[in-house]
């Protein structure tokens, strides 16, 4: 069955950095566009970044210039390098395969990112 496992979250001070990882299994990873999403407490889940099978990565305006998404198809992994973190980046971060405007698979457990002094 499909599994998405996110890791790398934690507590970081404003201005700090974190790198998140997501490993997928049970599907042909290299053929999927992959997205990072986040959900802050009391808010809807939102798209942060999308990396296609080939081509340029797209970012939400709120993270553009601070976050970098990459993929390693040999390891079935996508990463999210997050720099210059702000308190408003605090959320649970998830990854999923993206099909049009939808996600393809059940959500994983996510990884908590807390930006606070």
C-alpha atoms as a PDB file:
ATOM      1  CA  UNK A   1       0.000   0.000   0.000  1.00  0.00           C
ATOM      2  CA  UNK A   2       1.024   3.619  -0.430  1.00  0.00           C
ATOM      3  CA  UNK A   3       2.975   5.198   2.391  1.00  0.00           C
ATOM      4  CA  UNK A   4       4.210   8.751   2.783  1.00  0.00           C
ATOM      5  CA  UNK A   5       6.558   9.353   5.702  1.00  0.00           C
ATOM      6  CA  UNK A   6       7.598  12.895   6.600  1.00  0.00           C
ATOM      7  CA  UNK A   7      10.458  13.747   8.935  1.00  0.00           C
ATOM      8  CA  UNK A   8      12.796  16.537   9.957  1.00  0.00           C
ATOM      9  CA  UNK A   9      10.494  18.891  11.798  1.00  0.00           C
ATOM     10  CA  UNK A  10      11.258  20.511  15.104  1.00  0.00           C
ATOM     11  CA  UNK A  11      11.474  23.709  17.087  1.00  0.00           C
ATOM     12  CA  UNK A  12      13.543  26.493  15.562  1.00  0.00           C
ATOM     13  CA  UNK A  13      14.023  30.177  16.303  1.00  0.00           C
ATOM     14  CA  UNK A  14      12.854  32.845  13.865  1.00  0.00           C
ATOM     15  CA  UNK A  15      15.429  33.249  11.116  1.00  0.00           C
ATOM     16  CA  UNK A  16      16.575  29.664  11.476  1.00  0.00           C
ATOM     17  CA  UNK A  17      16.566  26.777   9.030  1.00  0.00           C
ATOM     18  CA  UNK A  18      15.210  23.254   8.806  1.00  0.00           C
ATOM     19  CA  UNK A  19      15.214  20.571   6.141  1.00  0.00           C
ATOM     20  CA  UNK A  20      12.215  18.291   5.846  1.00  0.00           C
ATOM     21  CA  UNK A  21      12.207  14.944   4.066  1.00  0.00           C
ATOM     22  CA  UNK A  22       9.417  12.781   2.724  1.00  0.00           C
ATOM     23  CA  UNK A  23       9.848   9.219   1.544  1.00  0.00           C
ATOM     24  CA  UNK A  24       7.179   7.552  -0.552  1.00  0.00           C
ATOM     25  CA  UNK A  25       6.573   3.868  -1.145  1.00  0.00           C
ATOM     26  CA  UNK A  26       3.965   1.711  -2.821  1.00  0.00           C
ATOM     27  CA  UNK A  27       3.800   3.781  -5.996  1.00  0.00           C
ATOM     28  CA  UNK A  28       6.027   4.731  -8.907  1.00  0.00           C
ATOM     29  CA  UNK A  29       7.584   7.797  -7.303  1.00  0.00           C
ATOM     30  CA  UNK A  30       9.510   9.074 -10.306  1.00  0.00           C
ATOM     31  CA  UNK A  31       6.349   9.453 -12.404  1.00  0.00           C
ATOM     32  CA  UNK A  32       4.531  11.671  -9.897  1.00  0.00           C
ATOM     33  CA  UNK A  33       4.519  15.401  -9.377  1.00  0.00           C
ATOM     34  CA  UNK A  34       5.072  15.859  -5.647  1.00  0.00           C
ATOM     35  CA  UNK A  35       3.913  18.601  -3.355  1.00  0.00           C
ATOM     36  CA  UNK A  36       4.678  19.874   0.123  1.00  0.00           C
ATOM     37  CA  UNK A  37       1.677  21.111   2.065  1.00  0.00           C
ATOM     38  CA  UNK A  38       1.199  22.568   5.521  1.00  0.00           C
ATOM     39  CA  UNK A  39      -1.629  23.013   7.960  1.00  0.00           C
ATOM     40  CA  UNK A  40      -1.466  25.478  10.784  1.00  0.00           C
ATOM     41  CA  UNK A  41      -3.658  25.058  13.846  1.00  0.00           C
ATOM     42  CA  UNK A  42      -7.199  26.077  13.041  1.00  0.00           C
ATOM     43  CA  UNK A  43      -6.474  26.697   9.365  1.00  0.00           C
ATOM     44  CA  UNK A  44      -6.964  24.800   6.143  1.00  0.00           C
ATOM     45  CA  UNK A  45      -4.163  22.803   4.637  1.00  0.00           C
ATOM     46  CA  UNK A  46      -2.312  24.825   2.003  1.00  0.00           C
ATOM     47  CA  UNK A  47       0.081  24.052  -0.800  1.00  0.00           C
ATOM     48  CA  UNK A  48       3.652  25.187  -0.180  1.00  0.00           C
ATOM     49  CA  UNK A  49       5.597  23.890  -3.188  1.00  0.00           C
ATOM     50  CA  UNK A  50       5.202  21.536  -6.127  1.00  0.00           C
ATOM     51  CA  UNK A  51       7.957  19.770  -8.022  1.00  0.00           C
ATOM     52  CA  UNK A  52       6.909  18.155 -11.300  1.00  0.00           C
ATOM     53  CA  UNK A  53       8.372  15.049 -12.876  1.00  0.00           C
ATOM     54  CA  UNK A  54      10.475  17.383 -14.967  1.00  0.00           C
ATOM     55  CA  UNK A  55      10.676  21.151 -15.025  1.00  0.00           C
ATOM     56  CA  UNK A  56      10.706  23.971 -12.558  1.00  0.00           C
ATOM     57  CA  UNK A  57       9.386  23.880  -9.028  1.00  0.00           C
ATOM     58  CA  UNK A  58       6.569  26.248  -8.099  1.00  0.00           C
ATOM     59  CA  UNK A  59       6.263  27.905  -4.697  1.00  0.00           C
ATOM     60  CA  UNK A  60       3.564  29.670  -2.769  1.00  0.00           C
ATOM     61  CA  UNK A  61       4.210  33.410  -2.623  1.00  0.00           C
ATOM     62  CA  UNK A  62       4.562  33.208   1.151  1.00  0.00           C
ATOM     63  CA  UNK A  63       7.658  30.978   0.916  1.00  0.00           C
ATOM     64  CA  UNK A  64       9.186  32.058  -2.390  1.00  0.00           C
ATOM     65  CA  UNK A  65      12.872  32.869  -1.999  1.00  0.00           C
ATOM     66  CA  UNK A  66      13.065  31.158   1.402  1.00  0.00           C
ATOM     67  CA  UNK A  67      12.111  27.527   0.707  1.00  0.00           C
ATOM     68  CA  UNK A  68      13.650  25.146  -1.819  1.00  0.00           C
ATOM     69  CA  UNK A  69      12.079  21.849  -2.799  1.00  0.00           C
ATOM     70  CA  UNK A  70      14.087  19.048  -4.381  1.00  0.00           C
ATOM     71  CA  UNK A  71      13.593  15.417  -5.274  1.00  0.00           C
ATOM     72  CA  UNK A  72      15.760  12.316  -5.407  1.00  0.00           C
ATOM     73  CA  UNK A  73      13.967   9.685  -7.448  1.00  0.00           C
ATOM     74  CA  UNK A  74      16.606   7.066  -6.674  1.00  0.00           C
ATOM     75  CA  UNK A  75      15.651   7.355  -3.004  1.00  0.00           C
ATOM     76  CA  UNK A  76      11.916   8.035  -3.539  1.00  0.00           C
ATOM     77  CA  UNK A  77      12.384  11.210  -1.532  1.00  0.00           C
ATOM     78  CA  UNK A  78      11.458  14.867  -1.714  1.00  0.00           C
ATOM     79  CA  UNK A  79      13.082  17.440   0.528  1.00  0.00           C
ATOM     80  CA  UNK A  80      12.106  20.928   1.612  1.00  0.00           C
ATOM     81  CA  UNK A  81      14.936  23.213   2.633  1.00  0.00           C
ATOM     82  CA  UNK A  82      13.429  26.011   4.718  1.00  0.00           C
ATOM     83  CA  UNK A  83      15.477  29.130   5.457  1.00  0.00           C
ATOM     84  CA  UNK A  84      14.680  32.430   7.155  1.00  0.00           C
ATOM     85  CA  UNK A  85      11.833  30.783   9.009  1.00  0.00           C
ATOM     86  CA  UNK A  86       9.064  32.944  10.444  1.00  0.00           C
ATOM     87  CA  UNK A  87       6.544  32.247  13.198  1.00  0.00           C
ATOM     88  CA  UNK A  88       3.841  32.085  10.537  1.00  0.00           C
ATOM     89  CA  UNK A  89       5.605  29.046   9.050  1.00  0.00           C
ATOM     90  CA  UNK A  90       4.558  27.093  12.136  1.00  0.00           C
ATOM     91  CA  UNK A  91       2.440  24.162  10.946  1.00  0.00           C
ATOM     92  CA  UNK A  92       2.334  20.440  10.371  1.00  0.00           C
ATOM     93  CA  UNK A  93       4.013  19.759   7.041  1.00  0.00           C
ATOM     94  CA  UNK A  94       2.909  16.972   4.713  1.00  0.00           C
ATOM     95  CA  UNK A  95       3.890  15.681   1.299  1.00  0.00           C
ATOM     96  CA  UNK A  96       1.720  14.025  -1.312  1.00  0.00           C
ATOM     97  CA  UNK A  97       1.608  13.259  -4.993  1.00  0.00           C
ATOM     98  CA  UNK A  98      -0.268  15.882  -6.915  1.00  0.00           C
ATOM     99  CA  UNK A  99      -2.720  15.310  -9.746  1.00  0.00           C
ATOM    100  CA  UNK A 100      -4.105  18.530 -11.124  1.00  0.00           C
ATOM    101  CA  UNK A 101      -5.461  20.417  -8.140  1.00  0.00           C
ATOM    102  CA  UNK A 102      -5.881  17.279  -6.062  1.00  0.00           C
ATOM    103  CA  UNK A 103      -3.707  14.905  -4.089  1.00  0.00           C
ATOM    104  CA  UNK A 104      -3.479  11.270  -5.020  1.00  0.00           C
ATOM    105  CA  UNK A 105      -2.920   9.385  -1.809  1.00  0.00           C
ATOM    106  CA  UNK A 106      -3.978   9.289   1.840  1.00  0.00           C
ATOM    107  CA  UNK A 107      -2.052  11.720   3.990  1.00  0.00           C
ATOM    108  CA  UNK A 108       0.858  10.610   6.128  1.00  0.00           C
ATOM    109  CA  UNK A 109       1.347  11.665   9.725  1.00  0.00           C
ATOM    110  CA  UNK A 110       3.147  14.865   8.811  1.00  0.00           C
ATOM    111  CA  UNK A 111       5.993  16.535  10.682  1.00  0.00           C
ATOM    112  CA  UNK A 112       5.540  19.459  13.072  1.00  0.00           C
ATOM    113  CA  UNK A 113       7.505  22.649  12.475  1.00  0.00           C
ATOM    114  CA  UNK A 114       7.396  25.254  15.226  1.00  0.00           C
ATOM    115  CA  UNK A 115       9.083  28.616  14.764  1.00  0.00           C
ATOM    116  CA  UNK A 116       9.313  30.429  18.053  1.00  0.00           C
ATOM    117  CA  UNK A 117      11.758  32.284  20.222  1.00  0.00           C
END
